Each structure stands twice: as C-alpha cells, then as structure tokens.
Amino acid sequence: MADGMHPSAEQFLSELAIQRRASQHTLDAYRRDLFRLDQLTLEVAPNSSPDKLTTAQLRRGLMQLHAQNLAPRSIARTLSAWRSFYTWLLRRGVISHNPAEPLKAPKKARTLPKALGADQTAALLDATPSDNLEVRDAAMFELFYSSGLRLAELVSLDWPGGLDLTADEVTVTGKRQKTRTIPLGSQAKTALLAWVAVRPHYAPAEQTALFTGKNGTRLSPRQVEKRLERWAQQRGIGMQVHPHMLRHSFASHVLQSSGDLRAVQDMLGHASIAATQIYTHLDFQHLAKIYDTAHPRAKKT
C-alpha cells in the first residue's frame, strides 16, 4: 500500500511514529487514509501532488468513498486524517490554507436503542426469586425498569441513602453531578422491601451500599451486568439483555403511555430534550407495528 505514497505523506507518517509515538494501529489507519488521498490525486491531477488538491477535489473524493458504500464512521476518520496531514503541511509553509477544513463528514447513522417489549419485560421481571441473591437481583432489575436508572447510578446507591420507601422515591446523582428524584413503582418497592429485609445477612453494619455481593462488598457494574445476563437466559428471553436496555424500556414504555417527552427527559436526567427525542422513534416503531397488524388496508396477507 506504501507503493506510490507521496514523499510528504511518508514524512508525515514518520513524524507520527517517531515524535508523537503513535501506535501501530494508528499508523496503519493513517496510511490507509493517506493512500486514498494519493489515489485521488492520481485520478484528478495525475501530474500533481496532494498539496495541490482543492477543497472541491477533496469533496469529490469523499463522495466517491460514499458511493463505494464506505461506512460514515470510516469516511469521517479518513477526513480527519486528511485534515491532520494538511495541518502539518500548513505549519511547514507548504500550503497557505487547509483545503480539508471546510469539509464536513457524513453524519453517523444513529442507531436506535434496543428496548424490550411489554411481554418480554413481564417475562423477565415476573419470575419468583429462588434464593436471597435473586431477591437482590429482582430488586435491582425492578428498580432499573421502574425508574430508568443508569448502571452507575444504581450501583452507587446507599441504604437508606437516596431510597425513600415511604415517599416511593429514589434520588440519584447522575452525569455532571446533577441530582434528580424519580418516582418508585409499587412492584419495585415490593422487591426492594424484600431485599432490604435479607440484606443484613450479606452487608456488615458499616457497609452503606444498597446492593452488595455475598461477600458484603458493593456490587460492581460488571457484576450487575453478569447477573442480568444470567437472569435473562434463565427466563428464556432469547436475547442478550443489559442494564441500559431496561433504562431504554422504561423510557419507551412511559412515552408510549403518556406521550410526555419532557417528563421522560426529567426522569432520565437528560440535559437536552434532543437526547430524549430518540425515544419518539421507538414510539413510532411501536405505532407502525400496530398499524401494520390492525389497519384493514395494511394487514399482511
């Protein structure tokens, strides 16, 4: 791939390797992206060099990558490498401006968060715990789904801490140290009361963590993830379930029932309504499925 690489590109890569101590993975990625730049130069200006390319010619190169079905993430990385190369040339006085600077990478496709259906959620949460540790697990998973907590928020909960089983509320400190109070559903409250009753068998008196392991220490995020994976497998959910999926399910199901985007934003602790609006797409998917199965002119035959 190095064959035909312009000397200035090789010098740039050499500086990355020696002065900036870039990893081999980074160097390989830059080499691929600069090779694309060399190929573009041969195509649009065979007797020229990459430092002579214009913004319009670089845009054409990005459009070609898009036409070749290169993923938006890969195109964005390629453009970033080109910008870095031209910035390097600019600092050396080889060019007077960076032709890649005005270009914008294609937007990355925003994947919708996965949410469980109502029946899947019921199958996951309605099972009877078989031992005290499963009583704890049931309380954790009910709390995830009841209040839409983040994993870090759940494992950081103390007892009694932010949990108010009289007012049916839970208070957590989320991103940017922002505190919020979320309602606690009746089934989550019942599950939490069951865990609190047996918690002294696992947590020593000085332990403040709400959720502990059998050794009495605060559960780690990874331990919670593994317990939920095990729980979902045992109950035949048929898909990998992770804690954030319960948060997504909470948001999607509340939005479907209420249509109150602002309330969902507050409960999730999103700083911007734009972050919450992705759940409107999930809601639309739900409505589209209902339409496909219920509308007389839309039913599949």
C-alpha atoms as a PDB file:
ATOM      1  CA  MET A   1       0.000   0.000   0.000  1.00  0.00           C
ATOM      2  CA  ALA A   2       3.004   2.203   0.521  1.00  0.00           C
ATOM      3  CA  ASP A   3       3.899   1.976  -3.187  1.00  0.00           C
ATOM      4  CA  GLY A   4       3.286   5.341  -4.837  1.00  0.00           C
ATOM      5  CA  MET A   5       2.844   7.152  -1.494  1.00  0.00           C
ATOM      6  CA  HIS A   6       3.872  10.781  -1.866  1.00  0.00           C
ATOM      7  CA  PRO A   7       7.130  11.621  -0.011  1.00  0.00           C
ATOM      8  CA  SER A   8       5.390  14.289   2.086  1.00  0.00           C
ATOM      9  CA  ALA A   9       2.869  11.708   3.292  1.00  0.00           C
ATOM     10  CA  GLU A  10       5.701   9.326   4.211  1.00  0.00           C
ATOM     11  CA  GLN A  11       7.436  12.125   6.102  1.00  0.00           C
ATOM     12  CA  PHE A  12       4.203  12.921   7.942  1.00  0.00           C
ATOM     13  CA  LEU A  13       3.783   9.264   8.940  1.00  0.00           C
ATOM     14  CA  SER A  14       7.402   9.113  10.059  1.00  0.00           C
ATOM     15  CA  GLU A  15       6.870  12.092  12.348  1.00  0.00           C
ATOM     16  CA  LEU A  16       3.753  10.470  13.782  1.00  0.00           C
ATOM     17  CA  ALA A  17       5.753   7.353  14.561  1.00  0.00           C
ATOM     18  CA  ILE A  18       8.899   8.982  15.976  1.00  0.00           C
ATOM     19  CA  GLN A  19       7.909  12.305  17.514  1.00  0.00           C
ATOM     20  CA  ARG A  20       4.318  11.604  18.522  1.00  0.00           C
ATOM     21  CA  ARG A  21       4.894   7.896  19.234  1.00  0.00           C
ATOM     22  CA  ALA A  22       1.643   6.899  17.549  1.00  0.00           C
ATOM     23  CA  SER A  23       0.634   3.282  17.923  1.00  0.00           C
ATOM     24  CA  GLN A  24       0.984   0.862  15.031  1.00  0.00           C
ATOM     25  CA  HIS A  25      -2.796   0.671  14.793  1.00  0.00           C
ATOM     26  CA  THR A  26      -2.986   4.470  14.399  1.00  0.00           C
ATOM     27  CA  LEU A  27      -0.179   4.499  11.841  1.00  0.00           C
ATOM     28  CA  ASP A  28      -1.846   1.775   9.782  1.00  0.00           C
ATOM     29  CA  ALA A  29      -5.120   3.710   9.788  1.00  0.00           C
ATOM     30  CA  TYR A  30      -3.400   6.951   8.722  1.00  0.00           C
ATOM     31  CA  ARG A  31      -1.535   5.097   5.983  1.00  0.00           C
ATOM     32  CA  ARG A  32      -4.783   3.692   4.569  1.00  0.00           C
ATOM     33  CA  ASP A  33      -6.397   7.121   4.603  1.00  0.00           C
ATOM     34  CA  LEU A  34      -3.424   8.884   3.032  1.00  0.00           C
ATOM     35  CA  PHE A  35      -3.224   6.158   0.403  1.00  0.00           C
ATOM     36  CA  ARG A  36      -6.788   7.117  -0.533  1.00  0.00           C
ATOM     37  CA  LEU A  37      -5.593  10.707  -0.838  1.00  0.00           C
ATOM     38  CA  ASP A  38      -2.790   9.617  -3.157  1.00  0.00           C
ATOM     39  CA  GLN A  39      -5.261   7.633  -5.268  1.00  0.00           C
ATOM     40  CA  LEU A  40      -7.494  10.689  -5.507  1.00  0.00           C
ATOM     41  CA  THR A  41      -4.510  12.792  -6.604  1.00  0.00           C
ATOM     42  CA  LEU A  42      -3.660  10.300  -9.380  1.00  0.00           C
ATOM     43  CA  GLU A  43      -7.257  10.431 -10.558  1.00  0.00           C
ATOM     44  CA  VAL A  44      -7.966  14.167 -10.557  1.00  0.00           C
ATOM     45  CA  ALA A  45      -4.463  15.581 -11.019  1.00  0.00           C
ATOM     46  CA  PRO A  46      -2.095  12.850 -12.293  1.00  0.00           C
ATOM     47  CA  ASN A  47       0.901  15.157 -12.658  1.00  0.00           C
ATOM     48  CA  SER A  48       0.369  16.994  -9.375  1.00  0.00           C
ATOM     49  CA  SER A  49       0.665  16.186  -5.666  1.00  0.00           C
ATOM     50  CA  PRO A  50      -1.713  16.021  -2.687  1.00  0.00           C
ATOM     51  CA  ASP A  51      -0.730  19.506  -1.506  1.00  0.00           C
ATOM     52  CA  LYS A  52      -2.180  20.944  -4.737  1.00  0.00           C
ATOM     53  CA  LEU A  53      -5.666  19.459  -4.318  1.00  0.00           C
ATOM     54  CA  THR A  54      -8.571  21.848  -3.840  1.00  0.00           C
ATOM     55  CA  THR A  55     -11.494  21.650  -1.459  1.00  0.00           C
ATOM     56  CA  ALA A  56     -13.766  20.723  -4.368  1.00  0.00           C
ATOM     57  CA  GLN A  57     -11.484  17.848  -5.381  1.00  0.00           C
ATOM     58  CA  LEU A  58     -11.325  16.557  -1.819  1.00  0.00           C
ATOM     59  CA  ARG A  59     -15.113  16.731  -1.613  1.00  0.00           C
ATOM     60  CA  ARG A  60     -15.283  14.663  -4.781  1.00  0.00           C
ATOM     61  CA  GLY A  61     -13.032  12.080  -3.153  1.00  0.00           C
ATOM     62  CA  LEU A  62     -15.313  11.845  -0.118  1.00  0.00           C
ATOM     63  CA  MET A  63     -18.327  11.452  -2.390  1.00  0.00           C
ATOM     64  CA  GLN A  64     -16.595   8.584  -4.159  1.00  0.00           C
ATOM     65  CA  LEU A  65     -15.960   6.866  -0.834  1.00  0.00           C
ATOM     66  CA  HIS A  66     -19.640   7.267  -0.020  1.00  0.00           C
ATOM     67  CA  ALA A  67     -20.578   5.808  -3.430  1.00  0.00           C
ATOM     68  CA  GLN A  68     -18.362   2.811  -2.619  1.00  0.00           C
ATOM     69  CA  ASN A  69     -20.564   2.216   0.465  1.00  0.00           C
ATOM     70  CA  LEU A  70     -17.808   3.062   2.920  1.00  0.00           C
ATOM     71  CA  ALA A  71     -19.356   3.480   6.352  1.00  0.00           C
ATOM     72  CA  PRO A  72     -19.912   7.078   7.565  1.00  0.00           C
ATOM     73  CA  ARG A  73     -17.600   6.394  10.516  1.00  0.00           C
ATOM     74  CA  SER A  74     -14.796   5.342   8.139  1.00  0.00           C
ATOM     75  CA  ILE A  75     -15.327   8.387   5.911  1.00  0.00           C
ATOM     76  CA  ALA A  76     -15.181  10.638   8.977  1.00  0.00           C
ATOM     77  CA  ARG A  77     -11.911   9.020  10.040  1.00  0.00           C
ATOM     78  CA  THR A  78     -10.482   9.460   6.544  1.00  0.00           C
ATOM     79  CA  LEU A  79     -11.404  13.145   6.522  1.00  0.00           C
ATOM     80  CA  SER A  80      -9.829  13.565   9.952  1.00  0.00           C
ATOM     81  CA  ALA A  81      -6.568  12.051   8.681  1.00  0.00           C
ATOM     82  CA  TRP A  82      -6.610  14.346   5.656  1.00  0.00           C
ATOM     83  CA  ARG A  83      -7.160  17.377   7.880  1.00  0.00           C
ATOM     84  CA  SER A  84      -4.241  16.375  10.082  1.00  0.00           C
ATOM     85  CA  PHE A  85      -1.984  15.922   7.076  1.00  0.00           C
ATOM     86  CA  TYR A  86      -2.900  19.317   5.609  1.00  0.00           C
ATOM     87  CA  THR A  87      -2.483  20.992   9.008  1.00  0.00           C
ATOM     88  CA  TRP A  88       1.019  19.518   9.097  1.00  0.00           C
ATOM     89  CA  LEU A  89       1.722  20.915   5.605  1.00  0.00           C
ATOM     90  CA  LEU A  90       0.318  24.299   6.656  1.00  0.00           C
ATOM     91  CA  ARG A  91       2.663  24.521   9.654  1.00  0.00           C
ATOM     92  CA  ARG A  92       5.599  23.895   7.308  1.00  0.00           C
ATOM     93  CA  GLY A  93       4.531  26.609   4.912  1.00  0.00           C
ATOM     94  CA  VAL A  94       3.938  24.159   2.049  1.00  0.00           C
ATOM     95  CA  ILE A  95       0.340  25.362   1.650  1.00  0.00           C
ATOM     96  CA  SER A  96      -1.373  28.629   2.578  1.00  0.00           C
ATOM     97  CA  HIS A  97      -4.649  27.144   3.803  1.00  0.00           C
ATOM     98  CA  ASN A  98      -6.119  23.777   4.755  1.00  0.00           C
ATOM     99  CA  PRO A  99      -8.366  22.613   1.885  1.00  0.00           C
ATOM    100  CA  ALA A 100      -9.927  19.887   4.053  1.00  0.00           C
ATOM    101  CA  GLU A 101     -11.063  22.277   6.780  1.00  0.00           C
ATOM    102  CA  PRO A 102     -14.397  23.345   5.170  1.00  0.00           C
ATOM    103  CA  LEU A 103     -15.456  19.754   4.501  1.00  0.00           C
ATOM    104  CA  LYS A 104     -17.976  18.001   6.714  1.00  0.00           C
ATOM    105  CA  ALA A 105     -18.086  14.288   7.299  1.00  0.00           C
ATOM    106  CA  PRO A 106     -21.381  12.470   6.711  1.00  0.00           C
ATOM    107  CA  LYS A 107     -23.476  12.096   9.817  1.00  0.00           C
ATOM    108  CA  LYS A 108     -23.130   8.766  11.510  1.00  0.00           C
ATOM    109  CA  ALA A 109     -26.266   6.707  11.385  1.00  0.00           C
ATOM    110  CA  ARG A 110     -27.874   6.937  14.780  1.00  0.00           C
ATOM    111  CA  THR A 111     -28.810   3.501  15.954  1.00  0.00           C
ATOM    112  CA  LEU A 112     -31.977   3.269  17.962  1.00  0.00           C
ATOM    113  CA  PRO A 113     -31.548   1.926  21.480  1.00  0.00           C
ATOM    114  CA  LYS A 114     -32.937  -1.556  21.942  1.00  0.00           C
ATOM    115  CA  ALA A 115     -35.934  -1.840  24.207  1.00  0.00           C
ATOM    116  CA  LEU A 116     -37.810  -4.856  25.464  1.00  0.00           C
ATOM    117  CA  GLY A 117     -41.450  -5.301  24.601  1.00  0.00           C
ATOM    118  CA  ALA A 118     -44.019  -5.250  27.404  1.00  0.00           C
ATOM    119  CA  ASP A 119     -44.404  -9.036  27.282  1.00  0.00           C
ATOM    120  CA  GLN A 120     -40.631  -9.570  27.359  1.00  0.00           C
ATOM    121  CA  THR A 121     -40.329  -7.211  30.311  1.00  0.00           C
ATOM    122  CA  ALA A 122     -43.051  -9.097  32.181  1.00  0.00           C
ATOM    123  CA  ALA A 123     -41.346 -12.425  31.450  1.00  0.00           C
ATOM    124  CA  LEU A 124     -38.080 -11.011  32.749  1.00  0.00           C
ATOM    125  CA  LEU A 125     -39.414  -9.484  35.945  1.00  0.00           C
ATOM    126  CA  ASP A 126     -42.381 -11.634  36.994  1.00  0.00           C
ATOM    127  CA  ALA A 127     -40.386 -14.750  37.918  1.00  0.00           C
ATOM    128  CA  THR A 128     -40.167 -15.689  41.589  1.00  0.00           C
ATOM    129  CA  PRO A 129     -36.645 -15.445  43.073  1.00  0.00           C
ATOM    130  CA  SER A 130     -35.207 -18.792  44.160  1.00  0.00           C
ATOM    131  CA  ASP A 131     -32.773 -17.504  46.809  1.00  0.00           C
ATOM    132  CA  ASN A 132     -31.744 -14.342  48.631  1.00  0.00           C
ATOM    133  CA  LEU A 133     -29.292 -13.261  45.934  1.00  0.00           C
ATOM    134  CA  GLU A 134     -32.073 -13.491  43.386  1.00  0.00           C
ATOM    135  CA  VAL A 135     -34.216 -11.400  45.745  1.00  0.00           C
ATOM    136  CA  ARG A 136     -31.465  -8.793  45.439  1.00  0.00           C
ATOM    137  CA  ASP A 137     -31.359  -9.204  41.664  1.00  0.00           C
ATOM    138  CA  ALA A 138     -35.117  -8.804  41.362  1.00  0.00           C
ATOM    139  CA  ALA A 139     -34.900  -5.575  43.355  1.00  0.00           C
ATOM    140  CA  MET A 140     -32.130  -4.238  41.106  1.00  0.00           C
ATOM    141  CA  PHE A 141     -33.895  -5.065  37.867  1.00  0.00           C
ATOM    142  CA  GLU A 142     -37.269  -3.781  39.052  1.00  0.00           C
ATOM    143  CA  LEU A 143     -35.545  -0.541  40.070  1.00  0.00           C
ATOM    144  CA  PHE A 144     -33.853  -0.218  36.673  1.00  0.00           C
ATOM    145  CA  TYR A 145     -37.171  -0.597  34.880  1.00  0.00           C
ATOM    146  CA  SER A 146     -39.260   1.346  37.390  1.00  0.00           C
ATOM    147  CA  SER A 147     -37.117   4.473  37.483  1.00  0.00           C
ATOM    148  CA  GLY A 148     -34.891   4.356  34.369  1.00  0.00           C
ATOM    149  CA  LEU A 149     -31.633   4.498  36.300  1.00  0.00           C
ATOM    150  CA  ARG A 150     -28.202   4.346  34.734  1.00  0.00           C
ATOM    151  CA  LEU A 151     -25.999   1.449  35.795  1.00  0.00           C
ATOM    152  CA  ALA A 152     -23.548   3.748  37.591  1.00  0.00           C
ATOM    153  CA  GLU A 153     -26.427   5.381  39.449  1.00  0.00           C
ATOM    154  CA  LEU A 154     -27.785   2.051  40.645  1.00  0.00           C
ATOM    155  CA  VAL A 155     -24.512   0.635  41.957  1.00  0.00           C
ATOM    156  CA  SER A 156     -23.724   3.905  43.775  1.00  0.00           C
ATOM    157  CA  LEU A 157     -26.987   3.844  45.761  1.00  0.00           C
ATOM    158  CA  ASP A 158     -26.627   3.640  49.526  1.00  0.00           C
ATOM    159  CA  TRP A 159     -29.035   2.350  52.152  1.00  0.00           C
ATOM    160  CA  PRO A 160     -31.038   4.197  53.160  1.00  0.00           C
ATOM    161  CA  GLY A 161     -29.290   6.925  51.127  1.00  0.00           C
ATOM    162  CA  GLY A 162     -31.423   8.209  48.295  1.00  0.00           C
ATOM    163  CA  LEU A 163     -34.036   5.494  48.614  1.00  0.00           C
ATOM    164  CA  ASP A 164     -37.254   6.666  50.300  1.00  0.00           C
ATOM    165  CA  LEU A 165     -39.645   3.724  50.578  1.00  0.00           C
ATOM    166  CA  THR A 166     -42.165   5.875  52.425  1.00  0.00           C
ATOM    167  CA  ALA A 167     -42.457   8.572  49.758  1.00  0.00           C
ATOM    168  CA  ASP A 168     -41.910   5.988  46.985  1.00  0.00           C
ATOM    169  CA  GLU A 169     -38.997   7.919  45.501  1.00  0.00           C
ATOM    170  CA  VAL A 170     -35.364   7.366  44.654  1.00  0.00           C
ATOM    171  CA  THR A 171     -32.832  10.185  44.421  1.00  0.00           C
ATOM    172  CA  VAL A 172     -29.638   9.719  42.424  1.00  0.00           C
ATOM    173  CA  THR A 173     -26.706  11.818  41.289  1.00  0.00           C
ATOM    174  CA  GLY A 174     -26.132  11.372  37.574  1.00  0.00           C
ATOM    175  CA  LYS A 175     -23.906  12.876  34.912  1.00  0.00           C
ATOM    176  CA  ARG A 176     -22.389  16.297  35.555  1.00  0.00           C
ATOM    177  CA  GLN A 177     -23.172  15.722  39.260  1.00  0.00           C
ATOM    178  CA  LYS A 178     -26.818  16.516  38.588  1.00  0.00           C
ATOM    179  CA  THR A 179     -29.232  15.207  41.205  1.00  0.00           C
ATOM    180  CA  ARG A 180     -32.743  14.084  40.323  1.00  0.00           C
ATOM    181  CA  THR A 181     -35.618  12.373  42.126  1.00  0.00           C
ATOM    182  CA  ILE A 182     -37.665   9.724  40.306  1.00  0.00           C
ATOM    183  CA  PRO A 183     -40.894   8.014  41.348  1.00  0.00           C
ATOM    184  CA  LEU A 184     -40.662   4.421  42.518  1.00  0.00           C
ATOM    185  CA  GLY A 185     -43.233   1.953  41.191  1.00  0.00           C
ATOM    186  CA  SER A 186     -45.178  -0.336  43.517  1.00  0.00           C
ATOM    187  CA  GLN A 187     -43.587  -3.536  42.219  1.00  0.00           C
ATOM    188  CA  ALA A 188     -40.110  -2.060  42.567  1.00  0.00           C
ATOM    189  CA  LYS A 189     -40.966  -1.001  46.119  1.00  0.00           C
ATOM    190  CA  THR A 190     -42.161  -4.508  46.985  1.00  0.00           C
ATOM    191  CA  ALA A 191     -38.974  -6.027  45.528  1.00  0.00           C
ATOM    192  CA  LEU A 192     -36.783  -3.537  47.394  1.00  0.00           C
ATOM    193  CA  LEU A 193     -38.525  -4.194  50.702  1.00  0.00           C
ATOM    194  CA  ALA A 194     -37.883  -7.913  50.205  1.00  0.00           C
ATOM    195  CA  TRP A 195     -34.175  -7.263  49.601  1.00  0.00           C
ATOM    196  CA  VAL A 196     -33.798  -4.814  52.478  1.00  0.00           C
ATOM    197  CA  ALA A 197     -35.240  -7.482  54.782  1.00  0.00           C
ATOM    198  CA  VAL A 198     -32.490 -10.004  53.920  1.00  0.00           C
ATOM    199  CA  ARG A 199     -29.684  -7.521  53.210  1.00  0.00           C
ATOM    200  CA  PRO A 200     -28.267  -7.704  56.789  1.00  0.00           C
ATOM    201  CA  HIS A 201     -27.292 -11.331  56.089  1.00  0.00           C
ATOM    202  CA  TYR A 202     -24.819 -10.059  53.465  1.00  0.00           C
ATOM    203  CA  ALA A 203     -23.907  -6.489  54.378  1.00  0.00           C
ATOM    204  CA  PRO A 204     -21.945  -5.784  57.568  1.00  0.00           C
ATOM    205  CA  ALA A 205     -23.206  -2.954  59.779  1.00  0.00           C
ATOM    206  CA  GLU A 206     -20.632  -0.484  58.437  1.00  0.00           C
ATOM    207  CA  GLN A 207     -21.496  -1.214  54.789  1.00  0.00           C
ATOM    208  CA  THR A 208     -23.508   1.654  53.232  1.00  0.00           C
ATOM    209  CA  ALA A 209     -24.080   0.141  49.774  1.00  0.00           C
ATOM    210  CA  LEU A 210     -27.678  -0.770  48.979  1.00  0.00           C
ATOM    211  CA  PHE A 211     -26.693  -3.678  46.747  1.00  0.00           C
ATOM    212  CA  THR A 212     -23.899  -5.938  47.928  1.00  0.00           C
ATOM    213  CA  GLY A 213     -22.470  -9.283  46.930  1.00  0.00           C
ATOM    214  CA  LYS A 214     -22.401 -12.342  49.164  1.00  0.00           C
ATOM    215  CA  ASN A 215     -19.020 -11.183  50.459  1.00  0.00           C
ATOM    216  CA  GLY A 216     -20.590  -7.960  51.751  1.00  0.00           C
ATOM    217  CA  THR A 217     -18.924  -5.540  49.327  1.00  0.00           C
ATOM    218  CA  ARG A 218     -20.667  -3.117  46.973  1.00  0.00           C
ATOM    219  CA  LEU A 219     -21.593  -4.703  43.652  1.00  0.00           C
ATOM    220  CA  SER A 220     -19.571  -3.540  40.659  1.00  0.00           C
ATOM    221  CA  PRO A 221     -21.197  -2.562  37.344  1.00  0.00           C
ATOM    222  CA  ARG A 222     -19.802  -5.697  35.715  1.00  0.00           C
ATOM    223  CA  GLN A 223     -21.291  -7.926  38.404  1.00  0.00           C
ATOM    224  CA  VAL A 224     -24.721  -6.399  37.805  1.00  0.00           C
ATOM    225  CA  GLU A 225     -24.355  -6.923  34.041  1.00  0.00           C
ATOM    226  CA  LYS A 226     -23.433 -10.587  34.511  1.00  0.00           C
ATOM    227  CA  ARG A 227     -26.340 -11.214  36.892  1.00  0.00           C
ATOM    228  CA  LEU A 228     -28.793  -9.656  34.428  1.00  0.00           C
ATOM    229  CA  GLU A 229     -27.390 -11.732  31.559  1.00  0.00           C
ATOM    230  CA  ARG A 230     -27.811 -14.881  33.670  1.00  0.00           C
ATOM    231  CA  TRP A 231     -31.295 -13.819  34.779  1.00  0.00           C
ATOM    232  CA  ALA A 232     -32.452 -13.246  31.178  1.00  0.00           C
ATOM    233  CA  GLN A 233     -31.029 -16.577  29.986  1.00  0.00           C
ATOM    234  CA  GLN A 234     -32.755 -18.498  32.765  1.00  0.00           C
ATOM    235  CA  ARG A 235     -36.078 -16.897  31.874  1.00  0.00           C
ATOM    236  CA  GLY A 236     -35.817 -17.617  28.154  1.00  0.00           C
ATOM    237  CA  ILE A 237     -35.846 -14.018  26.937  1.00  0.00           C
ATOM    238  CA  GLY A 238     -33.980 -15.132  23.808  1.00  0.00           C
ATOM    239  CA  MET A 239     -31.705 -12.103  23.556  1.00  0.00           C
ATOM    240  CA  GLN A 240     -28.839 -10.533  25.440  1.00  0.00           C
ATOM    241  CA  VAL A 241     -30.235  -8.116  27.988  1.00  0.00           C
ATOM    242  CA  HIS A 242     -28.050  -5.415  29.529  1.00  0.00           C
ATOM    243  CA  PRO A 243     -28.922  -2.817  32.196  1.00  0.00           C
ATOM    244  CA  HIS A 244     -29.186   0.074  29.740  1.00  0.00           C
ATOM    245  CA  MET A 245     -31.828  -1.909  27.859  1.00  0.00           C
ATOM    246  CA  LEU A 246     -34.052  -1.715  30.944  1.00  0.00           C
ATOM    247  CA  ARG A 247     -33.492   2.056  31.022  1.00  0.00           C
ATOM    248  CA  HIS A 248     -34.466   2.236  27.341  1.00  0.00           C
ATOM    249  CA  SER A 249     -37.514   0.080  28.000  1.00  0.00           C
ATOM    250  CA  PHE A 250     -38.582   2.369  30.853  1.00  0.00           C
ATOM    251  CA  ALA A 251     -38.309   5.447  28.617  1.00  0.00           C
ATOM    252  CA  SER A 252     -40.028   3.848  25.643  1.00  0.00           C
ATOM    253  CA  HIS A 253     -42.928   2.395  27.630  1.00  0.00           C
ATOM    254  CA  VAL A 254     -43.565   5.583  29.642  1.00  0.00           C
ATOM    255  CA  LEU A 255     -43.509   7.637  26.452  1.00  0.00           C
ATOM    256  CA  GLN A 256     -45.891   5.253  24.703  1.00  0.00           C
ATOM    257  CA  SER A 257     -48.327   5.514  27.587  1.00  0.00           C
ATOM    258  CA  SER A 258     -48.072   9.221  28.389  1.00  0.00           C
ATOM    259  CA  GLY A 259     -46.675  10.967  25.314  1.00  0.00           C
ATOM    260  CA  ASP A 260     -44.976  13.383  27.736  1.00  0.00           C
ATOM    261  CA  LEU A 261     -41.476  13.809  26.326  1.00  0.00           C
ATOM    262  CA  ARG A 262     -40.494  16.490  28.850  1.00  0.00           C
ATOM    263  CA  ALA A 263     -41.398  14.279  31.809  1.00  0.00           C
ATOM    264  CA  VAL A 264     -39.362  11.403  30.364  1.00  0.00           C
ATOM    265  CA  GLN A 265     -36.430  13.799  29.879  1.00  0.00           C
ATOM    266  CA  ASP A 266     -36.577  14.821  33.547  1.00  0.00           C
ATOM    267  CA  MET A 267     -36.787  11.239  34.788  1.00  0.00           C
ATOM    268  CA  LEU A 268     -33.895  10.095  32.607  1.00  0.00           C
ATOM    269  CA  GLY A 269     -31.784  13.079  33.623  1.00  0.00           C
ATOM    270  CA  HIS A 270     -31.065  14.187  30.047  1.00  0.00           C
ATOM    271  CA  ALA A 271     -29.576  17.672  29.829  1.00  0.00           C
ATOM    272  CA  SER A 272     -31.097  18.199  26.383  1.00  0.00           C
ATOM    273  CA  ILE A 273     -34.508  17.261  25.032  1.00  0.00           C
ATOM    274  CA  ALA A 274     -32.722  16.134  21.843  1.00  0.00           C
ATOM    275  CA  ALA A 275     -31.252  13.151  23.715  1.00  0.00           C
ATOM    276  CA  THR A 276     -34.742  12.083  24.753  1.00  0.00           C
ATOM    277  CA  GLN A 277     -36.301  12.557  21.332  1.00  0.00           C
ATOM    278  CA  ILE A 278     -34.730   9.337  20.066  1.00  0.00           C
ATOM    279  CA  TYR A 279     -37.421   7.531  22.051  1.00  0.00           C
ATOM    280  CA  THR A 280     -40.052   9.113  19.840  1.00  0.00           C
ATOM    281  CA  HIS A 281     -38.612   6.941  17.049  1.00  0.00           C
ATOM    282  CA  LEU A 282     -39.079   3.867  19.196  1.00  0.00           C
ATOM    283  CA  ASP A 283     -42.633   5.008  19.879  1.00  0.00           C
ATOM    284  CA  PHE A 284     -43.233   5.430  16.154  1.00  0.00           C
ATOM    285  CA  GLN A 285     -41.941   1.909  15.521  1.00  0.00           C
ATOM    286  CA  HIS A 286     -44.425   0.622  18.077  1.00  0.00           C
ATOM    287  CA  LEU A 287     -47.289   2.513  16.419  1.00  0.00           C
ATOM    288  CA  ALA A 288     -46.212   1.333  12.961  1.00  0.00           C
ATOM    289  CA  LYS A 289     -46.379  -2.299  14.088  1.00  0.00           C
ATOM    290  CA  ILE A 290     -49.869  -1.747  15.474  1.00  0.00           C
ATOM    291  CA  TYR A 291     -50.895  -0.121  12.185  1.00  0.00           C
ATOM    292  CA  ASP A 292     -49.498  -2.994  10.129  1.00  0.00           C
ATOM    293  CA  THR A 293     -51.411  -5.586  12.125  1.00  0.00           C
ATOM    294  CA  ALA A 294     -54.646  -3.677  12.830  1.00  0.00           C
ATOM    295  CA  HIS A 295     -55.454  -1.409   9.883  1.00  0.00           C
ATOM    296  CA  PRO A 296     -57.768  -3.143   7.355  1.00  0.00           C
ATOM    297  CA  ARG A 297     -55.777  -1.841   4.404  1.00  0.00           C
ATOM    298  CA  ALA A 298     -52.391  -2.579   5.928  1.00  0.00           C
ATOM    299  CA  LYS A 299     -52.760  -6.159   7.128  1.00  0.00           C
ATOM    300  CA  LYS A 300     -50.232  -8.556   5.683  1.00  0.00           C
ATOM    301  CA  THR A 301     -51.806 -11.421   3.714  1.00  0.00           C
END
